[in-house]
């Protein structure tokens, strides 16, 4: 089960790390998303911080179990919020699907980590 946890942690860390870095850098895609969701770009950029910390927490959490659990749980909550904002913006599944998928994968990671305690 550790191999699955490891692979999923690495994939999630790559996804959230890239997303967080784009938000913090104020990339055009992030700016467009902020406008679409009705979030001021300054606040939207701050969402990159927990994404990056979650990515780091997943990786460090492979050695420090409680940190990995906390990181996975935080990312689940973050993606639940993202789905809510997409739904409020009137997005269909194509709009909120990536956030939903990442949230579900983070939930799987959380369950795997809790079961491996």
PDB file of N, CA and C in Angstrom:
ATOM      1  N   UNK A   1       0.826  -1.190   0.000  1.00  0.00           N
ATOM      2  CA  UNK A   1       0.000   0.000   0.000  1.00  0.00           C
ATOM      3  C   UNK A   1       0.871   1.255   0.000  1.00  0.00           C
ATOM      4  N   UNK A   2       2.084   1.175   0.556  1.00  0.00           N
ATOM      5  CA  UNK A   2       2.954   2.344   0.590  1.00  0.00           C
ATOM      6  C   UNK A   2       3.326   2.805  -0.816  1.00  0.00           C
ATOM      7  N   UNK A   3       3.492   1.860  -1.738  1.00  0.00           N
ATOM      8  CA  UNK A   3       3.870   2.225  -3.108  1.00  0.00           C
ATOM      9  C   UNK A   3       2.772   3.073  -3.742  1.00  0.00           C
ATOM     10  N   UNK A   4       1.526   2.698  -3.529  1.00  0.00           N
ATOM     11  CA  UNK A   4       0.405   3.470  -4.060  1.00  0.00           C
ATOM     12  C   UNK A   4       0.380   4.857  -3.429  1.00  0.00           C
ATOM     13  N   UNK A   5       0.570   4.908  -2.113  1.00  0.00           N
ATOM     14  CA  UNK A   5       0.606   6.187  -1.405  1.00  0.00           C
ATOM     15  C   UNK A   5       1.733   7.063  -1.940  1.00  0.00           C
ATOM     16  N   UNK A   6       2.892   6.478  -2.154  1.00  0.00           N
ATOM     17  CA  UNK A   6       4.052   7.202  -2.668  1.00  0.00           C
ATOM     18  C   UNK A   6       3.774   7.781  -4.054  1.00  0.00           C
ATOM     19  N   UNK A   7       3.283   6.946  -4.952  1.00  0.00           N
ATOM     20  CA  UNK A   7       3.014   7.398  -6.323  1.00  0.00           C
ATOM     21  C   UNK A   7       1.950   8.491  -6.329  1.00  0.00           C
ATOM     22  N   UNK A   8       0.889   8.292  -5.581  1.00  0.00           N
ATOM     23  CA  UNK A   8      -0.182   9.284  -5.528  1.00  0.00           C
ATOM     24  C   UNK A   8       0.316  10.589  -4.912  1.00  0.00           C
ATOM     25  N   UNK A   9       1.140  10.491  -3.874  1.00  0.00           N
ATOM     26  CA  UNK A   9       1.698  11.694  -3.241  1.00  0.00           C
ATOM     27  C   UNK A   9       2.551  12.477  -4.234  1.00  0.00           C
ATOM     28  N   UNK A  10       3.357  11.789  -5.002  1.00  0.00           N
ATOM     29  CA  UNK A  10       4.215  12.465  -5.977  1.00  0.00           C
ATOM     30  C   UNK A  10       3.378  13.138  -7.060  1.00  0.00           C
ATOM     31  N   UNK A  11       2.381  12.424  -7.580  1.00  0.00           N
ATOM     32  CA  UNK A  11       1.529  13.007  -8.622  1.00  0.00           C
ATOM     33  C   UNK A  11       0.750  14.210  -8.112  1.00  0.00           C
ATOM     34  N   UNK A  12       0.190  14.084  -6.909  1.00  0.00           N
ATOM     35  CA  UNK A  12      -0.548  15.206  -6.324  1.00  0.00           C
ATOM     36  C   UNK A  12       0.381  16.377  -6.032  1.00  0.00           C
ATOM     37  N   UNK A  13       1.576  16.095  -5.538  1.00  0.00           N
ATOM     38  CA  UNK A  13       2.529  17.169  -5.255  1.00  0.00           C
ATOM     39  C   UNK A  13       2.910  17.911  -6.535  1.00  0.00           C
ATOM     40  N   UNK A  14       3.086  17.180  -7.623  1.00  0.00           N
ATOM     41  CA  UNK A  14       3.385  17.829  -8.899  1.00  0.00           C
ATOM     42  C   UNK A  14       2.225  18.714  -9.357  1.00  0.00           C
ATOM     43  N   UNK A  15       1.004  18.192  -9.264  1.00  0.00           N
ATOM     44  CA  UNK A  15      -0.166  18.950  -9.702  1.00  0.00           C
ATOM     45  C   UNK A  15      -0.379  20.197  -8.851  1.00  0.00           C
ATOM     46  N   UNK A  16      -0.366  20.027  -7.529  1.00  0.00           N
ATOM     47  CA  UNK A  16      -0.605  21.172  -6.654  1.00  0.00           C
ATOM     48  C   UNK A  16       0.580  22.129  -6.649  1.00  0.00           C
ATOM     49  N   UNK A  17       1.780  21.618  -6.787  1.00  0.00           N
ATOM     50  CA  UNK A  17       2.945  22.486  -6.870  1.00  0.00           C
ATOM     51  C   UNK A  17       2.894  23.371  -8.102  1.00  0.00           C
ATOM     52  N   UNK A  18       2.552  22.782  -9.226  1.00  0.00           N
ATOM     53  CA  UNK A  18       2.444  23.559 -10.471  1.00  0.00           C
ATOM     54  C   UNK A  18       1.320  24.586 -10.387  1.00  0.00           C
ATOM     55  N   UNK A  19       0.189  24.169  -9.868  1.00  0.00           N
ATOM     56  CA  UNK A  19      -0.947  25.079  -9.744  1.00  0.00           C
ATOM     57  C   UNK A  19      -0.641  26.232  -8.795  1.00  0.00           C
ATOM     58  N   UNK A  20      -0.043  25.898  -7.659  1.00  0.00           N
ATOM     59  CA  UNK A  20       0.296  26.930  -6.686  1.00  0.00           C
ATOM     60  C   UNK A  20       1.324  27.910  -7.227  1.00  0.00           C
ATOM     61  N   UNK A  21       2.313  27.396  -7.935  1.00  0.00           N
ATOM     62  CA  UNK A  21       3.345  28.262  -8.512  1.00  0.00           C
ATOM     63  C   UNK A  21       2.743  29.206  -9.554  1.00  0.00           C
ATOM     64  N   UNK A  22       1.829  28.704 -10.371  1.00  0.00           N
ATOM     65  CA  UNK A  22       1.172  29.550 -11.368  1.00  0.00           C
ATOM     66  C   UNK A  22       0.382  30.664 -10.698  1.00  0.00           C
ATOM     67  N   UNK A  23      -0.332  30.320  -9.636  1.00  0.00           N
ATOM     68  CA  UNK A  23      -1.121  31.329  -8.934  1.00  0.00           C
ATOM     69  C   UNK A  23      -0.211  32.384  -8.308  1.00  0.00           C
ATOM     70  N   UNK A  24       0.830  31.956  -7.620  1.00  0.00           N
ATOM     71  CA  UNK A  24       1.734  32.903  -6.973  1.00  0.00           C
ATOM     72  C   UNK A  24       2.447  33.793  -7.988  1.00  0.00           C
ATOM     73  N   UNK A  25       2.754  33.245  -9.147  1.00  0.00           N
ATOM     74  CA  UNK A  25       3.437  34.012 -10.182  1.00  0.00           C
ATOM     75  C   UNK A  25       2.482  34.937 -10.924  1.00  0.00           C
ATOM     76  N   UNK A  26       1.178  34.751 -10.731  1.00  0.00           N
ATOM     77  CA  UNK A  26       0.198  35.582 -11.432  1.00  0.00           C
ATOM     78  C   UNK A  26       0.127  35.278 -12.910  1.00  0.00           C
ATOM     79  N   UNK A  27       0.311  34.010 -13.271  1.00  0.00           N
ATOM     80  CA  UNK A  27       0.255  33.598 -14.675  1.00  0.00           C
ATOM     81  C   UNK A  27      -1.094  33.962 -15.289  1.00  0.00           C
ATOM     82  N   UNK A  28      -1.104  34.138 -16.596  1.00  0.00           N
ATOM     83  CA  UNK A  28      -2.320  34.549 -17.298  1.00  0.00           C
ATOM     84  C   UNK A  28      -3.477  33.592 -17.031  1.00  0.00           C
ATOM     85  N   UNK A  29      -3.212  32.305 -17.046  1.00  0.00           N
ATOM     86  CA  UNK A  29      -4.258  31.323 -16.785  1.00  0.00           C
ATOM     87  C   UNK A  29      -4.865  31.538 -15.398  1.00  0.00           C
ATOM     88  N   UNK A  30      -4.019  31.829 -14.418  1.00  0.00           N
ATOM     89  CA  UNK A  30      -4.505  32.083 -13.063  1.00  0.00           C
ATOM     90  C   UNK A  30      -5.320  33.369 -13.023  1.00  0.00           C
ATOM     91  N   UNK A  31      -4.861  34.403 -13.708  1.00  0.00           N
ATOM     92  CA  UNK A  31      -5.595  35.668 -13.749  1.00  0.00           C
ATOM     93  C   UNK A  31      -6.957  35.486 -14.397  1.00  0.00           C
ATOM     94  N   UNK A  32      -6.990  34.721 -15.477  1.00  0.00           N
ATOM     95  CA  UNK A  32      -8.257  34.458 -16.157  1.00  0.00           C
ATOM     96  C   UNK A  32      -9.214  33.690 -15.249  1.00  0.00           C
ATOM     97  N   UNK A  33      -8.689  32.710 -14.536  1.00  0.00           N
ATOM     98  CA  UNK A  33      -9.521  31.924 -13.616  1.00  0.00           C
ATOM     99  C   UNK A  33     -10.065  32.790 -12.496  1.00  0.00           C
ATOM    100  N   UNK A  34      -9.219  33.661 -11.953  1.00  0.00           N
ATOM    101  CA  UNK A  34      -9.654  34.553 -10.880  1.00  0.00           C
ATOM    102  C   UNK A  34     -10.810  35.429 -11.356  1.00  0.00           C
ATOM    103  N   UNK A  35     -10.675  35.988 -12.539  1.00  0.00           N
ATOM    104  CA  UNK A  35     -11.743  36.826 -13.090  1.00  0.00           C
ATOM    105  C   UNK A  35     -13.021  36.042 -13.299  1.00  0.00           C
ATOM    106  N   UNK A  36     -12.896  34.858 -13.835  1.00  0.00           N
ATOM    107  CA  UNK A  36     -14.069  34.013 -14.083  1.00  0.00           C
ATOM    108  C   UNK A  36     -14.791  33.665 -12.787  1.00  0.00           C
ATOM    109  N   UNK A  37     -14.024  33.390 -11.746  1.00  0.00           N
ATOM    110  CA  UNK A  37     -14.611  32.983 -10.467  1.00  0.00           C
ATOM    111  C   UNK A  37     -15.021  34.171  -9.605  1.00  0.00           C
ATOM    112  N   UNK A  38     -14.688  35.379 -10.038  1.00  0.00           N
ATOM    113  CA  UNK A  38     -15.058  36.569  -9.285  1.00  0.00           C
ATOM    114  C   UNK A  38     -14.219  36.789  -8.039  1.00  0.00           C
ATOM    115  N   UNK A  39     -12.976  36.337  -8.070  1.00  0.00           N
ATOM    116  CA  UNK A  39     -12.069  36.487  -6.933  1.00  0.00           C
ATOM    117  C   UNK A  39     -11.011  37.515  -7.324  1.00  0.00           C
ATOM    118  N   UNK A  40     -10.790  38.530  -6.496  1.00  0.00           N
ATOM    119  CA  UNK A  40      -9.718  39.488  -6.811  1.00  0.00           C
ATOM    120  C   UNK A  40      -8.387  38.755  -6.979  1.00  0.00           C
ATOM    121  N   UNK A  41      -7.601  39.178  -7.952  1.00  0.00           N
ATOM    122  CA  UNK A  41      -6.366  38.465  -8.292  1.00  0.00           C
ATOM    123  C   UNK A  41      -5.418  38.381  -7.099  1.00  0.00           C
ATOM    124  N   UNK A  42      -5.376  39.393  -6.271  1.00  0.00           N
ATOM    125  CA  UNK A  42      -4.508  39.345  -5.088  1.00  0.00           C
ATOM    126  C   UNK A  42      -4.887  38.217  -4.158  1.00  0.00           C
ATOM    127  N   UNK A  43      -6.179  38.036  -3.939  1.00  0.00           N
ATOM    128  CA  UNK A  43      -6.637  36.935  -3.083  1.00  0.00           C
ATOM    129  C   UNK A  43      -6.450  35.594  -3.770  1.00  0.00           C
ATOM    130  N   UNK A  44      -6.673  35.570  -5.077  1.00  0.00           N
ATOM    131  CA  UNK A  44      -6.521  34.316  -5.818  1.00  0.00           C
ATOM    132  C   UNK A  44      -5.076  33.844  -5.764  1.00  0.00           C
ATOM    133  N   UNK A  45      -4.147  34.797  -5.841  1.00  0.00           N
ATOM    134  CA  UNK A  45      -2.727  34.425  -5.774  1.00  0.00           C
ATOM    135  C   UNK A  45      -2.400  33.780  -4.430  1.00  0.00           C
ATOM    136  N   UNK A  46      -3.078  34.222  -3.373  1.00  0.00           N
ATOM    137  CA  UNK A  46      -2.829  33.654  -2.042  1.00  0.00           C
ATOM    138  C   UNK A  46      -3.239  32.183  -1.951  1.00  0.00           C
ATOM    139  N   UNK A  47      -4.143  31.752  -2.822  1.00  0.00           N
ATOM    140  CA  UNK A  47      -4.547  30.337  -2.828  1.00  0.00           C
ATOM    141  C   UNK A  47      -3.350  29.454  -3.204  1.00  0.00           C
ATOM    142  N   UNK A  48      -2.397  30.030  -3.904  1.00  0.00           N
ATOM    143  CA  UNK A  48      -1.197  29.279  -4.266  1.00  0.00           C
ATOM    144  C   UNK A  48      -0.372  28.864  -3.058  1.00  0.00           C
ATOM    145  N   UNK A  49      -0.467  29.616  -1.976  1.00  0.00           N
ATOM    146  CA  UNK A  49       0.322  29.288  -0.783  1.00  0.00           C
ATOM    147  C   UNK A  49      -0.092  27.942  -0.194  1.00  0.00           C
ATOM    148  N   UNK A  50      -1.396  27.720   0.132  1.00  0.00           N
ATOM    149  CA  UNK A  50      -1.744  26.402   0.668  1.00  0.00           C
ATOM    150  C   UNK A  50      -1.555  25.275  -0.348  1.00  0.00           C
ATOM    151  N   UNK A  51      -1.673  25.585  -1.639  1.00  0.00           N
ATOM    152  CA  UNK A  51      -1.410  24.543  -2.634  1.00  0.00           C
ATOM    153  C   UNK A  51       0.059  24.107  -2.580  1.00  0.00           C
ATOM    154  N   UNK A  52       0.959  25.077  -2.531  1.00  0.00           N
ATOM    155  CA  UNK A  52       2.384  24.735  -2.447  1.00  0.00           C
ATOM    156  C   UNK A  52       2.716  24.053  -1.128  1.00  0.00           C
ATOM    157  N   UNK A  53       2.165  24.560  -0.034  1.00  0.00           N
ATOM    158  CA  UNK A  53       2.424  23.932   1.267  1.00  0.00           C
ATOM    159  C   UNK A  53       1.854  22.519   1.315  1.00  0.00           C
ATOM    160  N   UNK A  54       0.685  22.320   0.705  1.00  0.00           N
ATOM    161  CA  UNK A  54       0.099  20.982   0.649  1.00  0.00           C
ATOM    162  C   UNK A  54       0.978  20.028  -0.148  1.00  0.00           C
ATOM    163  N   UNK A  55       1.524  20.519  -1.261  1.00  0.00           N
ATOM    164  CA  UNK A  55       2.417  19.687  -2.083  1.00  0.00           C
ATOM    165  C   UNK A  55       3.653  19.283  -1.284  1.00  0.00           C
ATOM    166  N   UNK A  56       4.239  20.241  -0.600  1.00  0.00           N
ATOM    167  CA  UNK A  56       5.416  19.953   0.218  1.00  0.00           C
ATOM    168  C   UNK A  56       5.037  19.011   1.358  1.00  0.00           C
ATOM    169  N   UNK A  57       3.897  19.271   1.980  1.00  0.00           N
ATOM    170  CA  UNK A  57       3.447  18.430   3.089  1.00  0.00           C
ATOM    171  C   UNK A  57       3.215  16.990   2.690  1.00  0.00           C
ATOM    172  N   UNK A  58       2.705  16.767   1.477  1.00  0.00           N
ATOM    173  CA  UNK A  58       2.509  15.397   1.016  1.00  0.00           C
ATOM    174  C   UNK A  58       3.840  14.656   0.910  1.00  0.00           C
ATOM    175  N   UNK A  59       4.844  15.345   0.402  1.00  0.00           N
ATOM    176  CA  UNK A  59       6.144  14.700   0.221  1.00  0.00           C
ATOM    177  C   UNK A  59       6.869  14.499   1.548  1.00  0.00           C
ATOM    178  N   UNK A  60       6.912  15.530   2.360  1.00  0.00           N
ATOM    179  CA  UNK A  60       7.560  15.397   3.673  1.00  0.00           C
ATOM    180  C   UNK A  60       6.762  14.416   4.531  1.00  0.00           C
ATOM    181  N   UNK A  61       5.460  14.394   4.315  1.00  0.00           N
ATOM    182  CA  UNK A  61       4.585  13.501   5.067  1.00  0.00           C
ATOM    183  C   UNK A  61       4.828  12.025   4.805  1.00  0.00           C
ATOM    184  N   UNK A  62       5.584  11.717   3.777  1.00  0.00           N
ATOM    185  CA  UNK A  62       5.954  10.321   3.561  1.00  0.00           C
ATOM    186  C   UNK A  62       6.869   9.830   4.672  1.00  0.00           C
ATOM    187  N   UNK A  63       7.599  10.761   5.270  1.00  0.00           N
ATOM    188  CA  UNK A  63       8.485  10.417   6.395  1.00  0.00           C
ATOM    189  C   UNK A  63       7.865  10.790   7.737  1.00  0.00           C
ATOM    190  N   UNK A  64       7.015  11.811   7.742  1.00  0.00           N
ATOM    191  CA  UNK A  64       6.389  12.307   8.978  1.00  0.00           C
ATOM    192  C   UNK A  64       4.880  12.138   8.818  1.00  0.00           C
ATOM    193  N   UNK A  65       4.377  10.985   9.251  1.00  0.00           N
ATOM    194  CA  UNK A  65       2.999  10.580   8.995  1.00  0.00           C
ATOM    195  C   UNK A  65       1.951  11.658   9.295  1.00  0.00           C
ATOM    196  N   UNK A  66       1.952  12.310  10.461  1.00  0.00           N
ATOM    197  CA  UNK A  66       0.900  13.295  10.745  1.00  0.00           C
ATOM    198  C   UNK A  66       0.886  14.466   9.757  1.00  0.00           C
ATOM    199  N   UNK A  67       2.051  14.861   9.276  1.00  0.00           N
ATOM    200  CA  UNK A  67       2.111  15.953   8.312  1.00  0.00           C
ATOM    201  C   UNK A  67       1.457  15.547   6.993  1.00  0.00           C
ATOM    202  N   UNK A  68       1.686  14.330   6.562  1.00  0.00           N
ATOM    203  CA  UNK A  68       1.060  13.845   5.330  1.00  0.00           C
ATOM    204  C   UNK A  68      -0.451  13.783   5.445  1.00  0.00           C
ATOM    205  N   UNK A  69      -0.929  13.351   6.585  1.00  0.00           N
ATOM    206  CA  UNK A  69      -2.387  13.299   6.820  1.00  0.00           C
ATOM    207  C   UNK A  69      -2.965  14.705   6.794  1.00  0.00           C
ATOM    208  N   UNK A  70      -2.315  15.627   7.494  1.00  0.00           N
ATOM    209  CA  UNK A  70      -2.799  17.012   7.543  1.00  0.00           C
ATOM    210  C   UNK A  70      -2.784  17.653   6.151  1.00  0.00           C
ATOM    211  N   UNK A  71      -1.726  17.411   5.392  1.00  0.00           N
ATOM    212  CA  UNK A  71      -1.620  17.982   4.049  1.00  0.00           C
ATOM    213  C   UNK A  71      -2.719  17.446   3.146  1.00  0.00           C
ATOM    214  N   UNK A  72      -2.933  16.148   3.180  1.00  0.00           N
ATOM    215  CA  UNK A  72      -3.981  15.557   2.345  1.00  0.00           C
ATOM    216  C   UNK A  72      -5.358  16.093   2.738  1.00  0.00           C
ATOM    217  N   UNK A  73      -5.619  16.184   4.030  1.00  0.00           N
ATOM    218  CA  UNK A  73      -6.913  16.705   4.497  1.00  0.00           C
ATOM    219  C   UNK A  73      -7.094  18.157   4.067  1.00  0.00           C
ATOM    220  N   UNK A  74      -6.039  18.951   4.197  1.00  0.00           N
ATOM    221  CA  UNK A  74      -6.122  20.347   3.793  1.00  0.00           C
ATOM    222  C   UNK A  74      -6.402  20.506   2.308  1.00  0.00           C
ATOM    223  N   UNK A  75      -5.792  19.657   1.497  1.00  0.00           N
ATOM    224  CA  UNK A  75      -6.018  19.726   0.057  1.00  0.00           C
ATOM    225  C   UNK A  75      -7.439  19.294  -0.316  1.00  0.00           C
ATOM    226  N   UNK A  76      -7.988  18.349   0.426  1.00  0.00           N
ATOM    227  CA  UNK A  76      -9.392  17.952   0.193  1.00  0.00           C
ATOM    228  C   UNK A  76     -10.303  19.147   0.447  1.00  0.00           C
ATOM    229  N   UNK A  77     -10.089  19.826   1.562  1.00  0.00           N
ATOM    230  CA  UNK A  77     -10.917  20.995   1.907  1.00  0.00           C
ATOM    231  C   UNK A  77     -10.723  22.104   0.873  1.00  0.00           C
ATOM    232  N   UNK A  78      -9.489  22.340   0.464  1.00  0.00           N
ATOM    233  CA  UNK A  78      -9.201  23.367  -0.535  1.00  0.00           C
ATOM    234  C   UNK A  78      -9.928  23.083  -1.848  1.00  0.00           C
ATOM    235  N   UNK A  79      -9.917  21.832  -2.282  1.00  0.00           N
ATOM    236  CA  UNK A  79     -10.579  21.486  -3.539  1.00  0.00           C
ATOM    237  C   UNK A  79     -12.103  21.498  -3.410  1.00  0.00           C
ATOM    238  N   UNK A  80     -12.612  21.200  -2.230  1.00  0.00           N
ATOM    239  CA  UNK A  80     -14.061  21.327  -2.012  1.00  0.00           C
ATOM    240  C   UNK A  80     -14.468  22.787  -2.186  1.00  0.00           C
ATOM    241  N   UNK A  81     -13.672  23.691  -1.643  1.00  0.00           N
ATOM    242  CA  UNK A  81     -13.936  25.119  -1.828  1.00  0.00           C
ATOM    243  C   UNK A  81     -13.853  25.523  -3.285  1.00  0.00           C
ATOM    244  N   UNK A  82     -12.892  24.980  -4.006  1.00  0.00           N
ATOM    245  CA  UNK A  82     -12.749  25.292  -5.430  1.00  0.00           C
ATOM    246  C   UNK A  82     -13.981  24.855  -6.211  1.00  0.00           C
ATOM    247  N   UNK A  83     -14.482  23.660  -5.901  1.00  0.00           N
ATOM    248  CA  UNK A  83     -15.686  23.174  -6.584  1.00  0.00           C
ATOM    249  C   UNK A  83     -16.864  24.105  -6.304  1.00  0.00           C
ATOM    250  N   UNK A  84     -17.004  24.530  -5.059  1.00  0.00           N
ATOM    251  CA  UNK A  84     -18.098  25.452  -4.701  1.00  0.00           C
ATOM    252  C   UNK A  84     -17.995  26.748  -5.512  1.00  0.00           C
ATOM    253  N   UNK A  85     -16.808  27.308  -5.604  1.00  0.00           N
ATOM    254  CA  UNK A  85     -16.642  28.549  -6.365  1.00  0.00           C
ATOM    255  C   UNK A  85     -16.945  28.345  -7.844  1.00  0.00           C
ATOM    256  N   UNK A  86     -16.545  27.204  -8.395  1.00  0.00           N
ATOM    257  CA  UNK A  86     -16.855  26.919  -9.798  1.00  0.00           C
ATOM    258  C   UNK A  86     -18.362  26.766 -10.011  1.00  0.00           C
ATOM    259  N   UNK A  87     -19.026  26.109  -9.093  1.00  0.00           N
ATOM    260  CA  UNK A  87     -20.477  25.957  -9.221  1.00  0.00           C
ATOM    261  C   UNK A  87     -21.177  27.307  -9.115  1.00  0.00           C
ATOM    262  N   UNK A  88     -20.711  28.161  -8.203  1.00  0.00           N
ATOM    263  CA  UNK A  88     -21.285  29.507  -8.078  1.00  0.00           C
ATOM    264  C   UNK A  88     -21.102  30.315  -9.350  1.00  0.00           C
ATOM    265  N   UNK A  89     -20.010  30.060 -10.072  1.00  0.00           N
ATOM    266  CA  UNK A  89     -19.738  30.765 -11.321  1.00  0.00           C
ATOM    267  C   UNK A  89     -20.534  30.175 -12.483  1.00  0.00           C
ATOM    268  N   UNK A  90     -21.308  29.112 -12.214  1.00  0.00           N
ATOM    269  CA  UNK A  90     -22.133  28.499 -13.244  1.00  0.00           C
ATOM    270  C   UNK A  90     -21.412  27.497 -14.107  1.00  0.00           C
ATOM    271  N   UNK A  91     -20.259  27.040 -13.665  1.00  0.00           N
ATOM    272  CA  UNK A  91     -19.490  26.071 -14.453  1.00  0.00           C
ATOM    273  C   UNK A  91     -20.177  24.719 -14.477  1.00  0.00           C
ATOM    274  N   UNK A  92     -20.022  24.050 -15.591  1.00  0.00           N
ATOM    275  CA  UNK A  92     -20.446  22.662 -15.735  1.00  0.00           C
ATOM    276  C   UNK A  92     -19.269  21.780 -15.340  1.00  0.00           C
ATOM    277  N   UNK A  93     -19.417  20.469 -15.490  1.00  0.00           N
ATOM    278  CA  UNK A  93     -18.394  19.518 -15.056  1.00  0.00           C
ATOM    279  C   UNK A  93     -17.029  19.804 -15.689  1.00  0.00           C
ATOM    280  N   UNK A  94     -17.009  20.290 -16.915  1.00  0.00           N
ATOM    281  CA  UNK A  94     -15.725  20.594 -17.563  1.00  0.00           C
ATOM    282  C   UNK A  94     -14.981  21.699 -16.821  1.00  0.00           C
ATOM    283  N   UNK A  95     -15.722  22.574 -16.174  1.00  0.00           N
ATOM    284  CA  UNK A  95     -15.100  23.671 -15.446  1.00  0.00           C
ATOM    285  C   UNK A  95     -14.602  23.274 -14.072  1.00  0.00           C
ATOM    286  N   UNK A  96     -15.403  22.472 -13.367  1.00  0.00           N
ATOM    287  CA  UNK A  96     -14.996  22.101 -12.009  1.00  0.00           C
ATOM    288  C   UNK A  96     -14.445  20.685 -11.918  1.00  0.00           C
ATOM    289  N   UNK A  97     -14.437  19.959 -13.012  1.00  0.00           N
ATOM    290  CA  UNK A  97     -13.949  18.580 -13.032  1.00  0.00           C
ATOM    291  C   UNK A  97     -12.519  18.405 -12.525  1.00  0.00           C
ATOM    292  N   UNK A  98     -11.577  19.251 -12.968  1.00  0.00           N
ATOM    293  CA  UNK A  98     -10.206  19.092 -12.459  1.00  0.00           C
ATOM    294  C   UNK A  98     -10.111  19.270 -10.943  1.00  0.00           C
ATOM    295  N   UNK A  99     -10.805  20.256 -10.401  1.00  0.00           N
ATOM    296  CA  UNK A  99     -10.784  20.458  -8.943  1.00  0.00           C
ATOM    297  C   UNK A  99     -11.427  19.272  -8.234  1.00  0.00           C
ATOM    298  N   UNK A 100     -12.511  18.766  -8.800  1.00  0.00           N
ATOM    299  CA  UNK A 100     -13.187  17.604  -8.211  1.00  0.00           C
ATOM    300  C   UNK A 100     -12.277  16.373  -8.241  1.00  0.00           C
ATOM    301  N   UNK A 101     -11.631  16.159  -9.379  1.00  0.00           N
ATOM    302  CA  UNK A 101     -10.740  14.995  -9.510  1.00  0.00           C
ATOM    303  C   UNK A 101      -9.561  15.084  -8.543  1.00  0.00           C
ATOM    304  N   UNK A 102      -8.939  16.262  -8.448  1.00  0.00           N
ATOM    305  CA  UNK A 102      -7.825  16.421  -7.517  1.00  0.00           C
ATOM    306  C   UNK A 102      -8.286  16.267  -6.070  1.00  0.00           C
ATOM    307  N   UNK A 103      -9.473  16.762  -5.770  1.00  0.00           N
ATOM    308  CA  UNK A 103     -10.011  16.601  -4.421  1.00  0.00           C
ATOM    309  C   UNK A 103     -10.273  15.144  -4.086  1.00  0.00           C
ATOM    310  N   UNK A 104     -10.811  14.403  -5.044  1.00  0.00           N
ATOM    311  CA  UNK A 104     -11.064  12.979  -4.811  1.00  0.00           C
ATOM    312  C   UNK A 104      -9.756  12.201  -4.663  1.00  0.00           C
ATOM    313  N   UNK A 105      -8.770  12.536  -5.479  1.00  0.00           N
ATOM    314  CA  UNK A 105      -7.467  11.871  -5.351  1.00  0.00           C
ATOM    315  C   UNK A 105      -6.803  12.214  -4.015  1.00  0.00           C
ATOM    316  N   UNK A 106      -6.955  13.452  -3.574  1.00  0.00           N
ATOM    317  CA  UNK A 106      -6.419  13.825  -2.260  1.00  0.00           C
ATOM    318  C   UNK A 106      -7.155  13.068  -1.157  1.00  0.00           C
ATOM    319  N   UNK A 107      -8.456  12.831  -1.342  1.00  0.00           N
ATOM    320  CA  UNK A 107      -9.226  12.052  -0.362  1.00  0.00           C
ATOM    321  C   UNK A 107      -8.736  10.607  -0.319  1.00  0.00           C
ATOM    322  N   UNK A 108      -8.444  10.038  -1.489  1.00  0.00           N
ATOM    323  CA  UNK A 108      -7.903   8.682  -1.535  1.00  0.00           C
ATOM    324  C   UNK A 108      -6.561   8.647  -0.812  1.00  0.00           C
ATOM    325  N   UNK A 109      -5.730   9.652  -1.077  1.00  0.00           N
ATOM    326  CA  UNK A 109      -4.424   9.733  -0.390  1.00  0.00           C
ATOM    327  C   UNK A 109      -4.621   9.811   1.118  1.00  0.00           C
ATOM    328  N   UNK A 110      -5.582  10.601   1.553  1.00  0.00           N
ATOM    329  CA  UNK A 110      -5.870  10.731   2.991  1.00  0.00           C
ATOM    330  C   UNK A 110      -6.271   9.383   3.587  1.00  0.00           C
ATOM    331  N   UNK A 111      -7.169   8.689   2.927  1.00  0.00           N
ATOM    332  CA  UNK A 111      -7.619   7.377   3.426  1.00  0.00           C
ATOM    333  C   UNK A 111      -6.456   6.397   3.479  1.00  0.00           C
ATOM    334  N   UNK A 112      -5.642   6.366   2.428  1.00  0.00           N
ATOM    335  CA  UNK A 112      -4.498   5.458   2.405  1.00  0.00           C
ATOM    336  C   UNK A 112      -3.533   5.745   3.558  1.00  0.00           C
ATOM    337  N   UNK A 113      -3.308   7.025   3.808  1.00  0.00           N
ATOM    338  CA  UNK A 113      -2.387   7.379   4.893  1.00  0.00           C
ATOM    339  C   UNK A 113      -2.955   7.006   6.252  1.00  0.00           C
ATOM    340  N   UNK A 114      -4.244   7.229   6.443  1.00  0.00           N
ATOM    341  CA  UNK A 114      -4.859   6.876   7.730  1.00  0.00           C
ATOM    342  C   UNK A 114      -4.835   5.363   7.932  1.00  0.00           C
ATOM    343  N   UNK A 115      -5.107   4.618   6.881  1.00  0.00           N
ATOM    344  CA  UNK A 115      -5.100   3.153   6.989  1.00  0.00           C
ATOM    345  C   UNK A 115      -3.688   2.584   7.207  1.00  0.00           C
ATOM    346  N   UNK A 116      -2.679   3.342   6.806  1.00  0.00           N
ATOM    347  CA  UNK A 116      -1.313   2.835   6.946  1.00  0.00           C
ATOM    348  C   UNK A 116      -0.686   3.171   8.289  1.00  0.00           C
ATOM    349  N   UNK A 117      -1.437   3.821   9.146  1.00  0.00           N
ATOM    350  CA  UNK A 117      -0.889   4.222  10.464  1.00  0.00           C
ATOM    351  C   UNK A 117      -0.579   3.025  11.329  1.00  0.00           C
TER     352      UNK A 117
END
